[in-house]
Amino acid sequence: MGFAGYSQEIKLKKGKVIIDKEVRFDFENRSSRELIMRPLNTPSEELLSIIWNNNGTSDSEDDFLQIVFARQQVKLESARLKDEWSVRLLKMMINDVVLQLDGSINDKKLQAFFLKYD
């Protein structure tokens, strides 16, 4: 699975997030609806979780996406992003300078991202 655009090409492969052909993060699919991303080789620390929530119904009108930033202890819930794939979401966060390639999160850009997609 991958997405190319601007200068980054992002792929999720064998538990690794590969950006521009360089392994940057680890990831785990906890289920078909939840992806956990971690700093490289740091299994006990979570950077973020992406959770697709269908509210247990077949009606897609009430579906939403949650992005949980563990270190910052903040959560975005967005119906606008519910149809985005994980690679596309990571790309959006990198392009909006929320997620840095070293694993840090820009708190000011995170707030702007929340306002943009909430």
Protein backbone atom coordinates (compact mmCIF):
# COMPACT_ATOMS: atom_id res chain seq x y z
CA MET A 1 0.00 0.00 0.00
CA GLY A 2 1.50 3.39 -0.95
CA PHE A 3 0.81 6.98 -1.93
CA ALA A 4 3.07 9.26 -3.96
CA GLY A 5 2.81 13.01 -4.09
CA TYR A 6 4.90 16.13 -3.60
CA SER A 7 8.30 14.88 -2.47
CA GLN A 8 7.23 11.97 -0.26
CA GLU A 9 6.35 8.48 -1.27
CA ILE A 10 4.83 6.61 1.67
CA LYS A 11 4.42 2.85 1.94
CA LEU A 12 3.24 0.57 4.72
CA LYS A 13 5.06 -2.73 4.40
CA LYS A 14 5.74 -5.56 6.86
CA GLY A 15 5.12 -3.41 9.94
CA LYS A 16 7.26 -0.51 8.71
CA VAL A 17 6.34 2.97 7.49
CA ILE A 18 8.66 3.73 4.58
CA ILE A 19 8.98 7.34 3.46
CA ASP A 20 11.04 8.11 0.36
CA LYS A 21 12.53 4.59 0.50
CA GLU A 22 13.72 5.04 4.11
CA VAL A 23 12.19 3.18 7.07
CA ARG A 24 10.94 5.88 9.46
CA PHE A 25 8.37 4.30 11.81
CA ASP A 26 6.90 0.99 12.92
CA PHE A 27 3.20 0.28 12.61
CA GLU A 28 0.75 -2.38 13.67
CA ASN A 29 -2.75 -3.09 12.42
CA ARG A 30 -4.60 -4.00 15.61
CA SER A 31 -7.67 -4.73 13.50
CA SER A 32 -9.00 -3.87 10.07
CA ARG A 33 -10.14 -0.56 11.60
CA GLU A 34 -7.17 0.44 13.77
CA LEU A 35 -3.58 1.31 12.91
CA ILE A 36 -0.97 2.13 15.57
CA MET A 37 2.22 3.98 14.63
CA ARG A 38 5.34 3.93 16.80
CA PRO A 39 8.83 5.39 16.71
CA LEU A 40 11.21 2.99 15.03
CA ASN A 41 12.22 0.03 17.25
CA THR A 42 10.24 1.38 20.23
CA PRO A 43 7.40 -1.12 20.74
CA SER A 44 6.20 0.35 24.04
CA GLU A 45 5.64 3.91 22.75
CA GLU A 46 2.79 5.04 20.52
CA LEU A 47 3.02 8.13 18.32
CA LEU A 48 -0.51 7.96 17.05
CA SER A 49 -3.47 5.71 16.44
CA ILE A 50 -5.85 5.91 13.51
CA ILE A 51 -9.25 4.36 14.22
CA TRP A 52 -12.12 4.09 11.76
CA ASN A 53 -15.36 4.00 13.76
CA ASN A 54 -18.62 2.89 12.17
CA ASN A 55 -20.61 3.15 15.43
CA GLY A 56 -21.65 -0.48 14.97
CA THR A 57 -24.19 0.44 12.31
CA SER A 58 -24.45 -0.17 8.58
CA ASP A 59 -25.32 3.50 8.02
CA SER A 60 -22.18 5.35 6.86
CA GLU A 61 -23.69 8.74 7.72
CA ASP A 62 -22.69 8.35 11.38
CA ASP A 63 -19.17 7.00 10.70
CA PHE A 64 -16.12 8.97 11.80
CA LEU A 65 -12.36 8.72 12.09
CA GLN A 66 -10.36 9.17 15.27
CA ILE A 67 -6.69 10.11 15.31
CA VAL A 68 -5.21 9.83 18.79
CA PHE A 69 -1.86 11.47 19.47
CA ALA A 70 -0.67 9.56 22.54
CA ARG A 71 2.19 11.81 23.68
CA GLN A 72 0.05 14.93 23.43
CA GLN A 73 -2.97 13.17 24.94
CA VAL A 74 -5.27 14.65 22.31
CA LYS A 75 -7.83 13.09 19.99
CA LEU A 76 -9.32 14.32 16.73
CA GLU A 77 -12.71 12.95 15.70
CA SER A 78 -13.65 13.78 12.14
CA ALA A 79 -16.46 12.74 9.84
CA ARG A 80 -14.67 14.61 7.02
CA LEU A 81 -11.70 12.21 7.14
CA LYS A 82 -13.66 8.97 7.58
CA ASP A 83 -13.02 7.78 4.01
CA GLU A 84 -9.27 8.45 3.95
CA TRP A 85 -6.76 5.58 3.89
CA SER A 86 -3.97 5.46 6.48
CA VAL A 87 -1.23 6.29 3.94
CA ARG A 88 -3.18 9.32 2.75
CA LEU A 89 -3.71 10.49 6.35
CA LEU A 90 0.02 10.18 7.10
CA LYS A 91 0.77 12.12 3.93
CA MET A 92 -1.63 14.88 5.00
CA MET A 93 0.01 15.08 8.45
CA ILE A 94 3.51 15.26 6.93
CA ASN A 95 2.48 17.87 4.35
CA ASP A 96 0.79 19.97 7.06
CA VAL A 97 4.00 19.67 9.14
CA VAL A 98 2.16 17.97 12.01
CA LEU A 99 4.24 14.80 11.88
CA GLN A 100 7.99 15.24 11.52
CA LEU A 101 10.12 12.51 9.97
CA ASP A 102 12.02 12.16 13.27
CA GLY A 103 8.75 11.22 15.01
CA SER A 104 8.12 14.52 16.73
CA ILE A 105 4.74 16.22 16.60
CA ASN A 106 4.49 19.97 16.02
CA ASP A 107 1.90 21.03 18.61
CA LYS A 108 0.96 24.29 16.88
CA LYS A 109 0.52 22.56 13.53
CA LEU A 110 -1.43 19.81 15.27
CA GLN A 111 -3.94 22.37 16.53
CA ALA A 112 -4.24 23.86 13.04
CA PHE A 113 -4.79 20.34 11.61
CA PHE A 114 -7.55 19.76 14.15
CA LEU A 115 -9.27 23.00 13.22
CA LYS A 116 -8.95 22.19 9.54
CA TYR A 117 -10.48 18.70 9.71
CA ASP A 118 -12.71 18.71 12.79
